Amino acid sequence: MPRKLDLTTIIMAGGSGTRLWPSSRKNYPKQFLNLAGSESFIQMTARRLAPLSGPDGVFVVTDGAYTFNVINQLSPVLGGNFDRVIVEPAGRNTAPAIALSLRYMLDHGATRDSVLFFSPSDHIIRPEARLHEAVRFSLGAAKNHIVTFGIIPSKPETGYGYIEMGAALADGDSGGTASGQPHGSKPAGDCSAKKSTGIFEVRSFREKPDLETARSFVESGNFLWNSGMFMFSIGVMLDAFKAHAPELADAIETMGYDQMVKAYETLPRQSIDYAVMEKAAGILCVPLDIEWNDIGSWDSLYEILPRDSAENATDGAVHCLESANNLVISGGRLVTLLGVNNLAVIDTPDALLVCERSQSQKVKDLVSELAETRPAVTVEHVTTYRPWGSFTVLEEGARYKIKRIVVNPG
């Protein structure tokens, strides 16, 4: 485990995770679900970042509706009563969320030179030690540049954005503090992602490609999957906002945190990629040769779960006969499959999803239709969590509803 760095880590946890419906719902999205182990995605993320900043240096920026879920889940992971939550009053995408985070940190003792590492809340990374090594190595570079972290692609993938690498920086050119490049890096001027783990200039950011383009990206060796993780000093990002998103820079510089929260819904709804990354000069990237998955669909979850001899990945009460390559998750009752292949079968107490695994990216479209015809099933689970505990709807009729209520200690 690396020693604590002079760094603050911030988890971005405002997403709704509609592609993982029916397990993920608007009021309890995927970052709070236990789908890949005994802990939720946000708990695993907090454990991953704590060795970098120390537990007291981990913060979360999230929708106000999720605040109590964040507190309840991270308090046992990080110790004490977790309260380092930067609250978005409404979802405005990642650029305003980062701007609000900068203002919060400045109001709580940070300076322009303070370095922040931002990470999504719902990714799988193995081994985590390689991420720690890369962050340590590039910390110095982040004092003068925006540093992104890209994943060396293992296959052509149409579901991710890509980073095109430019020239490799000679040791020391980035302002880094490491004595040398990480193990396996290549000398300056060589930009092949297939073997490199140094620091490189970013030539361009590319949107999600079609399959043929994705193949050409991977074959070239100069493209990385965009992981959505990045690191920079507050001053560097503030200057980038001034150049490319002046409304956000003006809000940071003229408002306190409380004022910015009140004005939040007037800020432009933009992703950080669109607002800054695709426009700013001097951005650097660090290739990561790791197992990485953003769990953006049921098919991507299937890829990381253990499988039986027929390549079925199952969780809960499941029995498969003459069936192969399926993902099956039971929400309690027995789910059986007979003579079917390549399906995702996700059973919850009030909704069942059955689709071809290859079509699971389209679940978002299904949820959009359901939001018009059966909105309740896209928002709430049968069990609903509240700051004081939870309640489960056991039975419901035209003039009655029976609930089981659980109240937290204290």
Protein backbone atom coordinates (compact mmCIF):
# COMPACT_ATOMS: atom_id res chain seq x y z
CA MET A 1 0.00 0.00 0.00
CA PRO A 2 1.51 3.36 -1.01
CA ARG A 3 2.03 6.06 1.56
CA LYS A 4 -0.49 8.89 1.67
CA LEU A 5 0.22 11.52 -1.00
CA ASP A 6 -0.22 15.30 -0.87
CA LEU A 7 -3.48 14.85 -2.69
CA THR A 8 -7.26 15.04 -2.27
CA THR A 9 -9.40 12.37 -3.96
CA ILE A 10 -12.95 13.12 -5.08
CA ILE A 11 -15.48 10.46 -6.09
CA MET A 12 -18.08 11.50 -8.68
CA ALA A 13 -21.28 9.68 -7.68
CA GLY A 14 -24.16 11.49 -9.34
CA GLY A 15 -25.03 9.05 -12.14
CA SER A 16 -28.34 7.22 -12.51
CA GLY A 17 -27.08 3.96 -14.06
CA THR A 18 -30.14 3.32 -16.24
CA ARG A 19 -28.40 0.61 -18.30
CA LEU A 20 -28.39 -1.63 -15.21
CA TRP A 21 -32.17 -1.51 -14.73
CA PRO A 22 -34.05 -3.16 -13.03
CA SER A 23 -31.39 -3.47 -10.29
CA SER A 24 -30.38 0.19 -10.71
CA ARG A 25 -33.18 2.74 -10.29
CA LYS A 26 -33.21 6.53 -10.17
CA ASN A 27 -33.50 6.69 -6.38
CA TYR A 28 -30.95 3.92 -5.74
CA PRO A 29 -28.56 3.76 -8.72
CA LYS A 30 -25.75 1.35 -9.53
CA GLN A 31 -23.00 3.00 -7.45
CA PHE A 32 -24.81 1.83 -4.29
CA LEU A 33 -25.42 -1.75 -5.47
CA ASN A 34 -23.48 -4.91 -4.52
CA LEU A 35 -23.19 -6.52 -7.96
CA ALA A 36 -19.51 -7.47 -8.08
CA GLY A 37 -18.72 -8.56 -4.52
CA SER A 38 -19.68 -8.03 -0.91
CA GLU A 39 -19.38 -4.23 -1.15
CA SER A 40 -21.08 -1.67 -3.36
CA PHE A 41 -19.21 0.02 -6.20
CA ILE A 42 -18.83 3.28 -4.27
CA GLN A 43 -17.49 1.42 -1.24
CA MET A 44 -14.89 -0.34 -3.40
CA THR A 45 -13.95 3.00 -4.96
CA ALA A 46 -13.48 4.64 -1.54
CA ARG A 47 -11.25 1.78 -0.37
CA ARG A 48 -9.22 2.12 -3.59
CA LEU A 49 -8.65 5.86 -3.14
CA ALA A 50 -8.07 5.97 0.63
CA PRO A 51 -4.43 4.78 0.40
CA LEU A 52 -3.66 7.72 -1.92
CA SER A 53 -5.13 10.60 0.10
CA GLY A 54 -5.74 8.94 3.44
CA PRO A 55 -9.33 8.22 4.52
CA ASP A 56 -9.77 11.84 5.63
CA GLY A 57 -8.82 13.04 2.15
CA VAL A 58 -11.64 11.22 0.33
CA PHE A 59 -14.60 13.40 -0.70
CA VAL A 60 -17.74 12.67 -2.73
CA VAL A 61 -19.62 14.97 -5.11
CA THR A 62 -23.17 13.73 -5.65
CA ASP A 63 -26.80 14.60 -6.15
CA GLY A 64 -28.40 15.83 -2.93
CA ALA A 65 -30.92 12.97 -3.09
CA TYR A 66 -28.06 10.47 -2.62
CA THR A 67 -26.37 12.19 0.31
CA PHE A 68 -27.69 9.87 3.00
CA ASN A 69 -26.82 6.80 0.92
CA VAL A 70 -23.24 8.07 0.58
CA ILE A 71 -23.01 8.73 4.33
CA ASN A 72 -24.51 5.36 5.27
CA GLN A 73 -22.24 3.40 2.91
CA LEU A 74 -18.94 5.23 3.40
CA SER A 75 -19.02 5.76 7.17
CA PRO A 76 -18.13 2.09 7.90
CA VAL A 77 -15.56 2.04 5.07
CA LEU A 78 -13.67 5.24 5.86
CA GLY A 79 -14.29 5.38 9.60
CA GLY A 80 -16.31 7.76 11.75
CA ASN A 81 -19.43 9.56 10.56
CA PHE A 82 -18.53 10.36 6.96
CA ASP A 83 -19.52 13.94 6.14
CA ARG A 84 -17.25 15.04 3.28
CA VAL A 85 -20.06 15.33 0.74
CA ILE A 86 -20.18 18.05 -1.93
CA VAL A 87 -23.89 18.32 -2.68
CA GLU A 88 -25.23 19.04 -6.16
CA PRO A 89 -28.79 20.41 -5.87
CA ALA A 90 -29.53 19.02 -9.35
CA GLY A 91 -27.74 16.95 -11.96
CA ARG A 92 -25.86 19.24 -14.41
CA ASN A 93 -23.22 16.79 -15.74
CA THR A 94 -19.55 16.58 -14.82
CA ALA A 95 -18.23 20.08 -15.65
CA PRO A 96 -20.47 21.95 -13.16
CA ALA A 97 -19.89 19.16 -10.60
CA ILE A 98 -16.13 19.67 -10.87
CA ALA A 99 -16.51 23.45 -10.71
CA LEU A 100 -18.62 23.13 -7.56
CA SER A 101 -15.98 20.81 -6.09
CA LEU A 102 -13.26 23.38 -6.74
CA ARG A 103 -15.27 26.07 -4.96
CA TYR A 104 -15.95 23.73 -2.02
CA MET A 105 -12.26 22.86 -1.65
CA LEU A 106 -11.22 26.54 -1.81
CA ASP A 107 -13.77 27.37 0.89
CA HIS A 108 -12.32 24.59 3.06
CA GLY A 109 -8.66 25.56 3.05
CA ALA A 110 -7.36 24.45 -0.34
CA THR A 111 -5.23 26.72 -2.56
CA ARG A 112 -4.56 27.03 -6.28
CA ASP A 113 -1.65 24.61 -5.83
CA SER A 114 -3.75 21.88 -4.20
CA VAL A 115 -3.93 18.75 -6.38
CA LEU A 116 -7.21 16.87 -6.82
CA PHE A 117 -7.76 13.38 -8.25
CA PHE A 118 -11.27 12.73 -9.62
CA SER A 119 -12.65 9.23 -10.10
CA PRO A 120 -16.02 7.79 -11.13
CA SER A 121 -17.78 5.84 -8.39
CA ASP A 122 -18.65 2.64 -10.22
CA HIS A 123 -15.59 1.17 -11.94
CA ILE A 124 -13.73 -2.09 -11.42
CA ILE A 125 -9.91 -1.79 -11.38
CA ARG A 126 -7.48 -4.69 -10.90
CA PRO A 127 -4.78 -4.63 -9.65
CA GLU A 128 -5.29 -1.42 -7.75
CA ALA A 129 -1.57 -1.13 -6.99
CA ARG A 130 -0.90 -0.19 -10.62
CA LEU A 131 -3.29 2.74 -10.37
CA HIS A 132 -1.58 3.83 -7.14
CA GLU A 133 1.80 3.65 -8.87
CA ALA A 134 0.58 5.73 -11.83
CA VAL A 135 -0.94 8.41 -9.59
CA ARG A 136 2.24 8.60 -7.54
CA PHE A 137 4.39 8.91 -10.66
CA SER A 138 2.28 11.65 -12.28
CA LEU A 139 1.56 13.75 -9.19
CA GLY A 140 4.24 16.26 -10.07
CA ALA A 141 2.92 16.62 -13.63
CA ALA A 142 -0.55 17.40 -12.27
CA LYS A 143 0.75 20.57 -10.62
CA ASN A 144 1.14 22.15 -14.06
CA HIS A 145 -1.10 20.07 -16.34
CA ILE A 146 -4.41 18.25 -16.49
CA VAL A 147 -3.40 14.57 -16.35
CA THR A 148 -5.82 11.95 -17.64
CA PHE A 149 -5.56 8.20 -17.10
CA GLY A 150 -6.27 5.96 -20.08
CA ILE A 151 -6.64 2.21 -20.24
CA ILE A 152 -4.54 0.21 -22.71
CA PRO A 153 -7.33 -1.47 -24.71
CA SER A 154 -7.61 -5.24 -24.68
CA LYS A 155 -10.00 -5.34 -27.67
CA PRO A 156 -11.92 -3.05 -30.03
CA GLU A 157 -14.69 -1.52 -27.90
CA THR A 158 -17.46 0.72 -29.23
CA GLY A 159 -18.87 1.61 -25.80
CA TYR A 160 -15.92 3.78 -24.67
CA GLY A 161 -14.42 7.08 -25.74
CA TYR A 162 -10.75 7.03 -26.72
CA ILE A 163 -7.66 9.17 -26.05
CA GLU A 164 -5.13 9.53 -28.87
CA MET A 165 -1.60 9.81 -27.52
CA GLY A 166 1.05 12.12 -28.88
CA ALA A 167 4.75 12.15 -28.04
CA ALA A 168 6.08 10.63 -24.84
CA LEU A 169 7.65 13.08 -22.44
CA ALA A 170 11.27 12.64 -21.47
CA ASP A 171 11.73 11.95 -17.76
CA GLY A 172 11.34 15.24 -15.93
CA ASP A 173 9.66 17.13 -18.81
CA SER A 174 6.28 16.83 -17.12
CA GLY A 175 7.35 18.33 -13.84
CA GLY A 176 6.98 14.92 -12.20
CA THR A 177 8.73 14.07 -8.97
CA ALA A 178 9.41 10.41 -9.68
CA SER A 179 13.01 9.36 -10.14
CA GLY A 180 12.13 7.48 -13.32
CA GLN A 181 9.27 6.17 -15.40
CA PRO A 182 7.21 3.25 -14.09
CA HIS A 183 8.34 -0.26 -14.95
CA GLY A 184 7.85 -1.08 -18.62
CA SER A 185 7.79 2.50 -19.95
CA LYS A 186 9.44 3.46 -23.21
CA PRO A 187 11.84 6.26 -24.04
CA ALA A 188 10.68 9.74 -25.10
CA GLY A 189 9.23 9.97 -28.58
CA ASP A 190 7.72 6.45 -28.69
CA CYS A 191 3.95 6.56 -28.29
CA SER A 192 2.92 2.91 -28.56
CA ALA A 193 0.30 2.16 -25.93
CA LYS A 194 0.96 -1.54 -26.28
CA LYS A 195 4.11 -1.33 -24.15
CA SER A 196 4.10 2.09 -22.50
CA THR A 197 3.20 3.31 -19.05
CA GLY A 198 4.96 6.68 -19.03
CA ILE A 199 3.46 10.15 -19.51
CA PHE A 200 2.36 11.29 -22.96
CA GLU A 201 0.92 14.36 -24.59
CA VAL A 202 -2.74 14.07 -25.59
CA ARG A 203 -3.22 14.52 -29.32
CA SER A 204 -7.02 14.27 -29.32
CA PHE A 205 -10.09 12.88 -27.61
CA ARG A 206 -12.39 10.70 -29.73
CA GLU A 207 -16.05 9.92 -29.22
CA LYS A 208 -17.34 6.34 -29.07
CA PRO A 209 -16.36 4.85 -32.46
CA ASP A 210 -17.97 2.28 -34.72
CA LEU A 211 -16.40 -1.19 -34.70
CA GLU A 212 -14.17 -0.67 -37.73
CA THR A 213 -12.79 2.57 -36.30
CA ALA A 214 -12.29 0.93 -32.89
CA ARG A 215 -10.25 -1.83 -34.57
CA SER A 216 -8.03 0.75 -36.27
CA PHE A 217 -7.52 2.54 -32.94
CA VAL A 218 -6.41 -0.64 -31.19
CA GLU A 219 -4.17 -1.78 -34.05
CA SER A 220 -2.39 1.58 -34.17
CA GLY A 221 -1.25 1.21 -30.56
CA ASN A 222 -1.66 4.96 -29.97
CA PHE A 223 -5.16 4.99 -28.46
CA LEU A 224 -6.39 4.41 -24.91
CA TRP A 225 -9.85 3.92 -23.48
CA ASN A 226 -10.92 7.09 -21.69
CA SER A 227 -11.36 6.01 -18.06
CA GLY A 228 -12.89 9.26 -16.79
CA MET A 229 -10.16 9.57 -14.13
CA PHE A 230 -8.07 12.75 -14.09
CA MET A 231 -5.85 14.79 -11.80
CA PHE A 232 -4.88 18.47 -11.72
CA SER A 233 -4.16 21.38 -9.43
CA ILE A 234 -7.06 23.72 -8.70
CA GLY A 235 -5.22 26.57 -10.44
CA VAL A 236 -4.68 24.56 -13.63
CA MET A 237 -8.37 23.63 -13.93
CA LEU A 238 -9.53 27.13 -13.00
CA ASP A 239 -7.38 28.56 -15.80
CA ALA A 240 -8.83 25.97 -18.21
CA PHE A 241 -12.36 26.99 -17.20
CA LYS A 242 -11.45 30.64 -17.79
CA ALA A 243 -10.30 29.80 -21.32
CA HIS A 244 -13.03 27.37 -22.35
CA ALA A 245 -15.98 27.57 -19.89
CA PRO A 246 -15.97 31.16 -18.58
CA GLU A 247 -19.39 30.87 -16.93
CA LEU A 248 -18.03 28.16 -14.65
CA ALA A 249 -14.85 30.08 -13.92
CA ASP A 250 -16.88 33.20 -13.08
CA ALA A 251 -19.06 31.21 -10.67
CA ILE A 252 -15.99 29.77 -8.92
CA GLU A 253 -14.30 33.15 -8.55
CA THR A 254 -17.28 35.34 -7.61
CA MET A 255 -19.35 33.04 -5.39
CA GLY A 256 -18.87 31.13 -2.19
CA TYR A 257 -19.90 27.48 -2.07
CA ASP A 258 -23.35 28.20 -0.62
CA GLN A 259 -24.01 30.86 -3.26
CA MET A 260 -22.87 28.53 -6.01
CA VAL A 261 -25.25 25.83 -4.77
CA LYS A 262 -28.16 28.30 -4.99
CA ALA A 263 -27.16 29.29 -8.53
CA TYR A 264 -26.28 25.76 -9.61
CA GLU A 265 -29.25 25.15 -11.89
CA THR A 266 -28.30 28.22 -13.95
CA LEU A 267 -24.87 26.77 -14.80
CA PRO A 268 -24.38 25.23 -18.26
CA ARG A 269 -25.13 21.51 -18.45
CA GLN A 270 -21.87 20.17 -19.90
CA SER A 271 -19.54 17.22 -19.54
CA ILE A 272 -15.96 17.98 -18.55
CA ASP A 273 -14.82 16.36 -21.81
CA TYR A 274 -16.88 18.77 -23.91
CA ALA A 275 -16.26 21.84 -21.74
CA VAL A 276 -12.49 21.47 -21.28
CA MET A 277 -10.76 18.25 -22.31
CA GLU A 278 -11.53 18.42 -26.03
CA LYS A 279 -10.43 22.07 -26.23
CA ALA A 280 -7.56 22.67 -23.81
CA ALA A 281 -3.89 22.46 -24.80
CA GLY A 282 -1.17 20.76 -22.80
CA ILE A 283 -3.23 17.86 -21.44
CA LEU A 284 -1.20 14.76 -20.57
CA CYS A 285 -2.20 11.11 -20.30
CA VAL A 286 -0.84 8.12 -18.42
CA PRO A 287 -1.53 4.65 -19.93
CA LEU A 288 -2.67 2.01 -17.45
CA ASP A 289 -2.12 -1.67 -18.22
CA ILE A 290 -4.84 -2.96 -15.91
CA GLU A 291 -8.12 -4.82 -15.88
CA TRP A 292 -10.73 -2.06 -16.04
CA ASN A 293 -14.48 -2.06 -16.53
CA ASP A 294 -16.94 0.80 -16.14
CA ILE A 295 -19.88 -1.64 -15.65
CA GLY A 296 -21.86 0.29 -18.24
CA SER A 297 -24.18 -2.60 -19.12
CA TRP A 298 -25.20 -6.07 -18.03
CA ASP A 299 -22.85 -7.50 -20.65
CA SER A 300 -19.91 -5.63 -19.11
CA LEU A 301 -20.82 -6.99 -15.66
CA TYR A 302 -20.84 -10.51 -17.13
CA GLU A 303 -17.23 -10.00 -18.26
CA ILE A 304 -15.90 -9.57 -14.72
CA LEU A 305 -17.95 -12.17 -12.81
CA PRO A 306 -16.80 -15.77 -12.18
CA ARG A 307 -18.45 -18.31 -14.47
CA ASP A 308 -19.28 -22.01 -14.33
CA SER A 309 -18.20 -24.70 -16.78
CA ALA A 310 -20.90 -23.59 -19.25
CA GLU A 311 -19.74 -19.95 -18.97
CA ASN A 312 -22.84 -18.91 -17.04
CA ALA A 313 -22.35 -16.08 -14.53
CA THR A 314 -24.96 -16.33 -11.77
CA ASP A 315 -25.85 -14.70 -8.48
CA GLY A 316 -28.50 -15.87 -6.04
CA ALA A 317 -30.91 -18.79 -6.42
CA VAL A 318 -30.21 -19.87 -10.02
CA HIS A 319 -30.22 -23.24 -11.83
CA CYS A 320 -29.21 -23.62 -15.49
CA LEU A 321 -29.67 -26.76 -17.62
CA GLU A 322 -28.32 -27.08 -21.17
CA SER A 323 -27.77 -23.31 -21.17
CA ALA A 324 -24.53 -21.43 -21.75
CA ASN A 325 -22.98 -17.94 -21.72
CA ASN A 326 -25.80 -16.42 -19.69
CA LEU A 327 -25.83 -13.78 -16.96
CA VAL A 328 -28.51 -14.61 -14.39
CA ILE A 329 -29.18 -12.60 -11.22
CA SER A 330 -31.92 -13.63 -8.82
CA GLY A 331 -33.48 -11.12 -6.48
CA GLY A 332 -34.69 -13.86 -4.11
CA ARG A 333 -36.84 -16.45 -5.83
CA LEU A 334 -35.46 -19.39 -7.82
CA VAL A 335 -34.65 -18.54 -11.46
CA THR A 336 -34.19 -21.47 -13.86
CA LEU A 337 -32.93 -21.53 -17.44
CA LEU A 338 -33.37 -24.42 -19.90
CA GLY A 339 -31.89 -24.61 -23.39
CA VAL A 340 -31.07 -20.91 -23.85
CA ASN A 341 -27.80 -19.13 -24.50
CA ASN A 342 -26.28 -15.63 -24.40
CA LEU A 343 -29.04 -14.04 -22.32
CA ALA A 344 -29.11 -11.54 -19.48
CA VAL A 345 -31.86 -12.46 -17.01
CA ILE A 346 -32.19 -9.99 -14.14
CA ASP A 347 -34.95 -10.73 -11.62
CA THR A 348 -36.06 -8.27 -8.92
CA PRO A 349 -39.16 -8.42 -6.70
CA ASP A 350 -41.20 -6.16 -8.98
CA ALA A 351 -39.55 -6.31 -12.42
CA LEU A 352 -37.87 -8.90 -14.66
CA LEU A 353 -35.50 -8.14 -17.53
CA VAL A 354 -34.73 -10.72 -20.22
CA CYS A 355 -32.58 -9.70 -23.19
CA GLU A 356 -29.73 -10.89 -25.34
CA ARG A 357 -26.50 -9.95 -23.59
CA SER A 358 -25.30 -8.25 -26.76
CA GLN A 359 -28.33 -5.93 -26.63
CA SER A 360 -27.89 -4.85 -23.03
CA GLN A 361 -26.63 -1.38 -24.00
CA LYS A 362 -30.20 -0.70 -25.20
CA VAL A 363 -31.69 -1.14 -21.72
CA LYS A 364 -31.40 2.65 -21.41
CA ASP A 365 -33.89 2.98 -24.30
CA LEU A 366 -36.24 0.55 -22.59
CA VAL A 367 -36.09 2.58 -19.37
CA SER A 368 -36.90 5.75 -21.32
CA GLU A 369 -40.08 4.13 -22.63
CA LEU A 370 -41.02 2.78 -19.21
CA ALA A 371 -40.57 6.27 -17.74
CA GLU A 372 -43.51 7.34 -19.90
CA THR A 373 -45.80 4.36 -19.25
CA ARG A 374 -44.77 2.94 -15.83
CA PRO A 375 -42.58 5.62 -14.22
CA ALA A 376 -42.67 4.20 -10.68
CA VAL A 377 -40.74 1.08 -11.68
CA THR A 378 -37.86 3.20 -13.04
CA VAL A 379 -37.59 5.28 -9.85
CA GLU A 380 -38.13 3.16 -6.75
CA HIS A 381 -37.38 -0.40 -5.71
CA VAL A 382 -39.80 -2.44 -3.64
CA THR A 383 -37.37 -1.62 -0.83
CA THR A 384 -36.81 2.14 -0.49
CA TYR A 385 -33.99 3.63 1.57
CA ARG A 386 -34.38 6.74 3.68
CA PRO A 387 -32.01 8.61 6.05
CA TRP A 388 -33.64 6.86 9.02
CA GLY A 389 -33.65 3.32 7.51
CA SER A 390 -35.78 1.62 4.87
CA PHE A 391 -39.22 0.27 4.07
CA THR A 392 -40.30 -2.63 1.87
CA VAL A 393 -43.72 -2.79 0.21
CA LEU A 394 -45.05 -6.28 0.99
CA GLU A 395 -48.47 -5.96 -0.62
CA GLU A 396 -50.46 -3.19 -2.27
CA GLY A 397 -54.05 -2.78 -3.37
CA ALA A 398 -56.42 -0.04 -4.51
CA ARG A 399 -56.99 1.25 -0.98
CA TYR A 400 -54.17 -0.19 1.10
CA LYS A 401 -50.41 -0.72 1.24
CA ILE A 402 -48.55 -2.98 3.67
CA LYS A 403 -44.92 -2.13 4.45
CA ARG A 404 -42.15 -3.60 6.54
CA ILE A 405 -40.20 -0.76 8.15
CA VAL A 406 -36.58 -0.98 9.38
CA VAL A 407 -35.28 1.87 11.55
CA ASN A 408 -31.52 2.34 11.93
CA PRO A 409 -30.07 2.22 15.46
CA GLY A 410 -30.14 5.61 17.17
